[in-house]
Amino acid sequence: MTARAFITGVSGFTLTANERAFLRESEPWGFILFGRNIRTPAQVTKLVAECREAVGTHAPVLIDQEGGRVQRLGPPHWPYYPSGSIYGRIYDRDVAKGLAAAGLGARLIASDLMALGIDVDCLPIADVPARGANAVIGDRAYGRTPEAVAAIGGAVAAGLLAGGVLPVLKHIPGHGRARADSHERLPVVKASREELEPRDFAAFQPLSKLPMGMTAHVVFSDIDPLAPATTSATMVREVIRGFIGFQGLLMSDDIAMGALSGTPAERTQAALAAGCDVVLHCNGKLAEMRAVAEHAPKLAGKALKRANAALVMRGEPEEFDRAEGRKTFAALTGGDRPMLAQRGARHPARKTPARVARPLGRNARRRRS
């Protein structure tokens, strides 16, 4: 059975009868989970199994588990992890310790995910932040230079892979300079190609052989003034596949985000026509999911080869002492606060929650991805 070229969210803690029938009929390539899907370890494990049972394959299950502001799993059932900038600050003082902390943090996250059956994490981030940019990236970034960001991103990817979890490189070719949050509206970056290549785009080059990557809903007006990277054949061909040399499965960022225009069907068609291998649709609204599925073809050709190559990299986790890893991680990051998991502990990432996906619209609040 060949899956269709889309990844879908679902609406709640368990599949509805309508969702189960839809998944069986539409055959998505994979699934993605959000806060609205997460209650307890047993519940998440069951939901993951339900999704796979519905499509009849061991389909990949994705999640955004970065740490800091963006982590779907948190206390009291799962540890809180620090934002990516923590690794950058350690790296600036001691390169070896910074890379060790980043790799170990990712290895611990992988251990958490694999216990639930989740085998893809939308990480690492290779966005290089710029002064005056929107805070949507902010402390999620690993550093201020492409060299630091790429090095730490590589350590994160290696940690995930060692734990049996596929990494997703994001947001290609860079969201760090954007002055708008693409969850809400379309950012336009006016910097010249000569400025972008050695900084924004260069951070992705050392990570170009990772198995999966996610596009940025950002217009780079000096290269393509009309379309964001997700729906720009020029950006995909010349920058993502060309200058950056990304070889893996290319997925769109969430096509329900406010940056994109048109119906879900039109967004799906535009992203695939531009060169995305699969589209990502996250909000769990069945009517939109049906429209995406209707316009997502069966994976074929190079897209199918890249999808299969990515899945081949899902391996058995390497031997790992989780308790010892947590102690070492706490020492590397300067204390045990990042690993809080006590029942009732406040989850810092939930100070401004957005647990339920909002309707499409200019002012809609979005889950960060």
Protein backbone atom coordinates (compact mmCIF):
# COMPACT_ATOMS: atom_id res chain seq x y z
CA MET A 1 0.00 0.00 0.00
CA THR A 2 1.34 3.42 -0.98
CA ALA A 3 0.37 6.31 1.25
CA ARG A 4 -0.83 9.71 0.11
CA ALA A 5 1.46 12.73 0.23
CA PHE A 6 0.17 14.32 3.42
CA ILE A 7 0.63 14.25 7.18
CA THR A 8 -2.45 14.92 9.27
CA GLY A 9 -3.43 15.91 12.76
CA VAL A 10 -6.42 14.50 14.63
CA SER A 11 -8.91 16.26 16.87
CA GLY A 12 -8.58 14.88 20.38
CA PHE A 13 -7.39 12.28 22.87
CA THR A 14 -8.79 9.38 20.86
CA LEU A 15 -9.98 8.85 17.29
CA THR A 16 -13.61 9.45 16.48
CA ALA A 17 -15.44 6.95 14.30
CA ASN A 18 -15.43 9.47 11.44
CA GLU A 19 -11.70 10.05 11.80
CA ARG A 20 -11.00 6.34 11.85
CA ALA A 21 -12.96 5.87 8.63
CA PHE A 22 -11.26 8.87 7.03
CA LEU A 23 -7.78 7.62 7.88
CA ARG A 24 -8.55 4.16 6.55
CA GLU A 25 -9.82 5.58 3.26
CA SER A 26 -7.34 8.43 2.72
CA GLU A 27 -4.11 6.66 3.80
CA PRO A 28 -1.98 9.61 5.03
CA TRP A 29 1.76 9.07 5.12
CA GLY A 30 1.95 10.11 8.75
CA PHE A 31 0.40 11.83 11.76
CA ILE A 32 1.28 14.74 14.03
CA LEU A 33 0.27 15.24 17.65
CA PHE A 34 -0.44 18.46 19.54
CA GLY A 35 -1.37 19.46 23.06
CA ARG A 36 -5.03 18.73 22.34
CA ASN A 37 -4.04 15.08 21.80
CA ILE A 38 -2.06 14.63 25.00
CA ARG A 39 -3.29 13.73 28.48
CA THR A 40 -1.35 10.79 29.95
CA PRO A 41 1.34 8.37 28.74
CA ALA A 42 -1.16 5.51 28.46
CA GLN A 43 -3.61 7.66 26.51
CA VAL A 44 -0.95 8.92 24.07
CA THR A 45 0.38 5.40 23.51
CA LYS A 46 -3.14 4.21 22.74
CA LEU A 47 -3.82 7.11 20.34
CA VAL A 48 -0.59 6.42 18.44
CA ALA A 49 -1.58 2.78 18.10
CA GLU A 50 -5.10 3.73 16.96
CA CYS A 51 -3.72 5.96 14.21
CA ARG A 52 -1.43 3.25 12.90
CA GLU A 53 -4.12 0.62 13.11
CA ALA A 54 -6.47 2.83 11.09
CA VAL A 55 -4.04 3.03 8.15
CA GLY A 56 -2.72 -0.48 8.54
CA THR A 57 0.97 0.46 8.55
CA HIS A 58 3.62 1.54 11.04
CA ALA A 59 3.19 5.12 9.82
CA PRO A 60 5.50 7.81 11.22
CA VAL A 61 4.08 9.82 14.13
CA LEU A 62 5.45 13.34 14.52
CA ILE A 63 5.50 15.85 17.37
CA ASP A 64 7.06 19.25 18.10
CA GLN A 65 9.17 18.53 21.16
CA GLU A 66 11.85 21.19 21.18
CA GLY A 67 11.97 22.33 24.80
CA GLY A 68 11.22 25.76 26.20
CA ARG A 69 8.17 27.39 24.65
CA VAL A 70 7.56 24.58 22.19
CA GLN A 71 7.04 21.16 23.71
CA ARG A 72 3.82 19.21 23.55
CA LEU A 73 4.81 16.80 26.32
CA GLY A 74 5.49 18.31 29.72
CA PRO A 75 5.00 18.01 33.48
CA PRO A 76 3.56 16.29 35.38
CA HIS A 77 4.08 13.24 33.14
CA TRP A 78 7.14 14.28 31.15
CA PRO A 79 10.22 16.39 31.89
CA TYR A 80 10.51 20.05 30.98
CA TYR A 81 13.47 20.71 28.68
CA PRO A 82 15.23 24.07 28.18
CA SER A 83 14.95 26.19 25.06
CA GLY A 84 17.53 25.82 22.32
CA SER A 85 19.27 29.06 23.29
CA ILE A 86 20.55 27.37 26.47
CA TYR A 87 22.72 25.11 24.34
CA GLY A 88 23.99 28.12 22.47
CA ARG A 89 25.04 29.88 25.65
CA ILE A 90 26.89 26.80 26.87
CA TYR A 91 28.50 26.43 23.43
CA ASP A 92 29.75 30.02 23.54
CA ARG A 93 31.60 29.25 26.78
CA ASP A 94 32.71 25.72 25.94
CA VAL A 95 32.09 24.21 22.51
CA ALA A 96 32.42 20.60 23.63
CA LYS A 97 30.03 21.04 26.56
CA GLY A 98 27.50 22.85 24.40
CA LEU A 99 27.45 20.05 21.85
CA ALA A 100 27.32 17.40 24.59
CA ALA A 101 24.36 19.12 26.28
CA ALA A 102 22.47 19.48 23.00
CA GLY A 103 23.05 15.87 21.99
CA LEU A 104 22.15 14.50 25.40
CA GLY A 105 19.02 16.64 25.66
CA ALA A 106 17.86 15.28 22.30
CA ARG A 107 18.71 11.72 23.34
CA LEU A 108 16.57 12.12 26.47
CA ILE A 109 13.70 13.54 24.40
CA ALA A 110 13.99 10.57 22.05
CA SER A 111 13.70 8.23 25.01
CA ASP A 112 10.51 9.99 26.12
CA LEU A 113 9.03 9.78 22.63
CA MET A 114 9.93 6.19 21.87
CA ALA A 115 8.22 5.08 25.08
CA LEU A 116 4.98 6.39 23.53
CA GLY A 117 5.55 5.07 20.01
CA ILE A 118 6.33 8.54 18.60
CA ASP A 119 9.22 8.26 16.17
CA VAL A 120 9.67 11.68 14.52
CA ASP A 121 10.54 14.96 16.24
CA CYS A 122 10.28 18.29 14.38
CA LEU A 123 13.78 19.28 15.40
CA PRO A 124 16.49 20.60 14.94
CA ILE A 125 15.92 24.27 14.15
CA ALA A 126 18.56 25.87 11.93
CA ASP A 127 17.05 29.36 11.89
CA VAL A 128 19.62 32.09 12.55
CA PRO A 129 17.91 34.97 14.39
CA ALA A 130 18.44 38.55 13.31
CA ARG A 131 18.06 41.82 15.18
CA GLY A 132 14.55 43.24 14.85
CA ALA A 133 12.99 39.91 13.84
CA ASN A 134 9.70 38.61 15.20
CA ALA A 135 10.03 36.70 18.46
CA VAL A 136 8.47 33.51 17.02
CA ILE A 137 11.99 32.04 16.76
CA GLY A 138 13.72 34.00 19.51
CA ASP A 139 15.11 31.72 22.21
CA ARG A 140 14.29 28.65 20.16
CA ALA A 141 17.44 29.38 18.12
CA TYR A 142 20.71 27.67 18.99
CA GLY A 143 22.95 30.66 18.41
CA ARG A 144 23.66 33.84 16.51
CA THR A 145 25.99 32.49 13.85
CA PRO A 146 25.37 29.88 11.15
CA GLU A 147 28.39 27.91 12.36
CA ALA A 148 27.08 27.57 15.93
CA VAL A 149 23.52 26.85 14.79
CA ALA A 150 24.64 24.13 12.38
CA ALA A 151 26.98 22.51 14.90
CA ILE A 152 24.37 22.37 17.66
CA GLY A 153 21.68 21.31 15.18
CA GLY A 154 23.88 18.43 14.12
CA ALA A 155 24.34 17.33 17.74
CA VAL A 156 20.57 17.45 18.29
CA ALA A 157 19.90 15.39 15.16
CA ALA A 158 22.50 12.82 16.20
CA GLY A 159 20.93 12.53 19.66
CA LEU A 160 17.49 11.91 18.20
CA LEU A 161 18.76 9.32 15.72
CA ALA A 162 20.64 7.49 18.46
CA GLY A 163 17.32 7.19 20.26
CA GLY A 164 15.51 5.79 17.21
CA VAL A 165 13.71 9.06 16.39
CA LEU A 166 13.86 10.78 13.00
CA PRO A 167 14.80 14.48 13.06
CA VAL A 168 13.03 17.10 10.92
CA LEU A 169 15.22 20.05 9.89
CA LYS A 170 13.30 23.32 10.10
CA HIS A 171 12.45 25.90 8.88
CA ILE A 172 14.17 25.67 5.48
CA PRO A 173 15.61 27.99 4.18
CA GLY A 174 15.32 30.14 7.34
CA HIS A 175 12.73 31.91 9.48
CA GLY A 176 15.16 33.79 11.71
CA ARG A 177 15.08 37.09 9.81
CA ALA A 178 11.28 37.26 9.43
CA ARG A 179 9.54 40.24 11.02
CA ALA A 180 6.17 38.51 11.22
CA ASP A 181 4.94 35.26 12.73
CA SER A 182 3.96 32.97 9.87
CA HIS A 183 1.35 31.34 12.09
CA GLU A 184 -0.56 34.61 11.78
CA ARG A 185 0.51 36.35 8.56
CA LEU A 186 2.96 36.09 5.71
CA PRO A 187 6.49 37.36 6.47
CA VAL A 188 8.43 39.03 3.66
CA VAL A 189 12.22 39.11 3.92
CA LYS A 190 13.73 41.82 1.72
CA ALA A 191 17.39 40.99 2.28
CA SER A 192 19.40 40.32 -0.86
CA ARG A 193 20.46 36.85 -1.91
CA GLU A 194 24.05 37.92 -1.26
CA GLU A 195 23.12 38.62 2.38
CA LEU A 196 21.04 35.48 2.83
CA GLU A 197 23.35 32.84 1.42
CA PRO A 198 26.31 33.17 3.83
CA ARG A 199 24.13 33.51 6.94
CA ASP A 200 20.51 32.35 6.80
CA PHE A 201 20.86 29.66 4.15
CA ALA A 202 24.38 28.54 5.11
CA ALA A 203 23.24 27.24 8.50
CA PHE A 204 21.25 24.51 6.75
CA GLN A 205 24.03 23.29 4.45
CA PRO A 206 25.90 21.08 6.98
CA LEU A 207 22.54 19.48 7.86
CA SER A 208 21.46 18.85 4.28
CA LYS A 209 21.68 15.05 4.56
CA LEU A 210 19.13 14.77 7.37
CA PRO A 211 16.22 12.49 6.43
CA MET A 212 13.41 15.06 6.67
CA GLY A 213 13.00 18.82 6.46
CA MET A 214 10.23 21.39 6.85
CA THR A 215 9.78 24.51 4.72
CA ALA A 216 9.34 28.08 5.93
CA HIS A 217 6.22 30.07 5.05
CA VAL A 218 8.42 33.08 4.26
CA VAL A 219 8.76 35.16 1.09
CA PHE A 220 12.33 35.99 0.09
CA SER A 221 11.55 38.84 -2.26
CA ASP A 222 14.98 39.05 -3.92
CA ILE A 223 14.56 35.47 -5.16
CA ASP A 224 10.80 35.03 -5.54
CA PRO A 225 8.72 38.11 -4.70
CA LEU A 226 5.39 36.34 -5.20
CA ALA A 227 5.38 33.13 -3.16
CA PRO A 228 6.69 31.87 0.19
CA ALA A 229 9.30 29.12 0.11
CA THR A 230 6.63 26.48 0.76
CA THR A 231 4.83 27.24 -2.51
CA SER A 232 7.73 28.60 -4.56
CA ALA A 233 9.21 26.27 -7.15
CA THR A 234 12.10 28.72 -7.51
CA MET A 235 12.93 28.59 -3.79
CA VAL A 236 12.66 24.81 -3.64
CA ARG A 237 14.70 24.23 -6.79
CA GLU A 238 17.36 26.94 -6.51
CA VAL A 239 17.76 27.34 -2.75
CA ILE A 240 16.48 24.31 -0.82
CA ARG A 241 17.54 21.59 -3.27
CA GLY A 242 20.17 23.76 -4.97
CA PHE A 243 22.27 26.07 -2.76
CA ILE A 244 21.49 24.25 0.50
CA GLY A 245 21.58 20.84 -1.15
CA PHE A 246 18.89 19.30 1.04
CA GLN A 247 18.43 15.68 -0.05
CA GLY A 248 15.73 14.38 2.29
CA LEU A 249 11.95 14.25 2.33
CA LEU A 250 10.68 17.83 2.13
CA MET A 251 7.46 18.55 4.00
CA SER A 252 5.61 21.81 4.19
CA ASP A 253 5.06 23.63 7.43
CA ASP A 254 1.42 23.49 8.51
CA ILE A 255 -0.65 24.59 5.52
CA ALA A 256 -3.45 25.79 7.83
CA MET A 257 -1.26 28.63 9.10
CA GLY A 258 -2.21 32.25 8.50
CA ALA A 259 0.75 32.94 6.19
CA LEU A 260 -0.78 31.03 3.30
CA SER A 261 -3.75 32.06 1.19
CA GLY A 262 -6.40 30.03 -0.59
CA THR A 263 -8.47 27.03 0.39
CA PRO A 264 -6.90 23.93 1.97
CA ALA A 265 -7.13 22.25 -1.43
CA GLU A 266 -5.38 25.17 -3.16
CA ARG A 267 -2.66 25.28 -0.53
CA THR A 268 -2.08 21.56 -0.87
CA GLN A 269 -1.80 21.77 -4.64
CA ALA A 270 0.52 24.78 -4.51
CA ALA A 271 2.94 23.22 -2.03
CA LEU A 272 3.17 19.95 -3.94
CA ALA A 273 3.51 21.73 -7.29
CA ALA A 274 6.39 23.79 -5.86
CA GLY A 275 8.34 20.65 -4.96
CA CYS A 276 7.29 19.67 -1.44
CA ASP A 277 7.13 15.89 -1.18
CA VAL A 278 4.35 15.90 1.42
CA VAL A 279 2.10 18.53 2.97
CA LEU A 280 1.48 18.95 6.67
CA HIS A 281 -2.02 19.76 7.93
CA CYS A 282 -2.33 20.13 11.67
CA ASN A 283 -5.61 21.51 13.01
CA GLY A 284 -7.59 18.27 13.10
CA LYS A 285 -10.65 19.71 11.33
CA LEU A 286 -12.14 16.87 9.38
CA ALA A 287 -13.58 18.95 6.54
CA GLU A 288 -10.16 20.47 5.84
CA MET A 289 -8.48 17.10 6.24
CA ARG A 290 -10.76 15.67 3.56
CA ALA A 291 -9.91 18.52 1.17
CA VAL A 292 -6.19 17.98 1.71
CA ALA A 293 -6.49 14.23 1.18
CA GLU A 294 -8.50 14.70 -2.00
CA HIS A 295 -5.73 16.77 -3.56
CA ALA A 296 -2.73 14.85 -2.19
CA PRO A 297 -1.72 12.14 -4.65
CA LYS A 298 -0.20 8.81 -3.84
CA LEU A 299 3.52 9.14 -3.18
CA ALA A 300 5.48 8.26 -6.28
CA GLY A 301 8.80 8.84 -8.01
CA LYS A 302 11.49 10.78 -6.15
CA ALA A 303 9.08 11.74 -3.37
CA LEU A 304 8.38 8.09 -2.65
CA LYS A 305 12.09 7.23 -2.72
CA ARG A 306 12.84 10.03 -0.25
CA ALA A 307 9.96 8.95 2.01
CA ASN A 308 11.18 5.36 2.02
CA ALA A 309 14.77 6.45 2.62
CA ALA A 310 13.67 8.47 5.64
CA LEU A 311 11.76 5.57 7.15
CA VAL A 312 14.73 3.25 6.70
CA MET A 313 16.61 5.48 9.14
CA ARG A 314 14.17 4.68 11.94
CA GLY A 315 16.40 2.36 13.90
CA GLU A 316 16.42 0.61 17.25
CA PRO A 317 17.55 2.96 20.04
CA GLU A 318 21.14 2.56 21.14
CA GLU A 319 21.70 1.35 24.70
CA PHE A 320 21.13 4.25 27.07
CA ASP A 321 21.04 4.74 30.85
CA ARG A 322 18.21 7.24 31.17
CA ALA A 323 18.70 8.03 34.85
CA GLU A 324 22.41 8.63 34.40
CA GLY A 325 21.70 10.68 31.32
CA ARG A 326 19.40 12.98 33.27
CA LYS A 327 22.03 13.52 35.94
CA THR A 328 24.67 14.36 33.36
CA PHE A 329 22.29 16.65 31.50
CA ALA A 330 21.45 18.54 34.69
CA ALA A 331 25.14 19.01 35.37
CA LEU A 332 25.83 20.24 31.84
CA THR A 333 22.94 22.71 31.87
CA GLY A 334 23.71 24.09 35.30
CA GLY A 335 21.17 22.43 37.55
CA ASP A 336 18.20 20.10 37.71
CA ARG A 337 15.42 22.63 37.00
CA PRO A 338 15.26 21.83 33.26
CA MET A 339 14.38 18.25 34.09
CA LEU A 340 11.46 18.95 36.45
CA ALA A 341 8.81 16.30 36.14
CA GLN A 342 7.16 16.27 39.55
CA ARG A 343 3.41 15.94 39.63
CA GLY A 344 1.85 19.37 39.76
CA ALA A 345 4.94 21.21 38.50
CA ARG A 346 4.05 24.23 36.41
CA HIS A 347 4.95 23.84 32.74
CA PRO A 348 6.67 27.11 31.66
CA ALA A 349 5.61 26.57 28.06
CA ARG A 350 1.94 26.81 29.10
CA LYS A 351 1.93 30.36 30.43
CA THR A 352 0.25 31.44 27.19
CA PRO A 353 -1.48 28.24 26.09
CA ALA A 354 -2.99 27.64 22.69
CA ARG A 355 -4.12 24.10 23.15
CA VAL A 356 -6.91 24.04 20.57
CA ALA A 357 -6.28 24.91 16.94
CA ARG A 358 -8.10 28.05 15.81
CA PRO A 359 -9.99 28.62 12.55
CA LEU A 360 -8.13 30.00 9.59
CA GLY A 361 -8.09 33.75 9.73
CA ARG A 362 -5.91 36.80 9.99
CA ASN A 363 -5.98 37.01 13.76
CA ALA A 364 -5.97 33.32 14.57
CA ARG A 365 -3.50 32.16 17.22
CA ARG A 366 -1.42 29.19 16.08
CA ARG A 367 0.50 26.41 17.64
CA ARG A 368 4.20 27.06 17.12
CA SER A 369 5.93 24.66 14.73
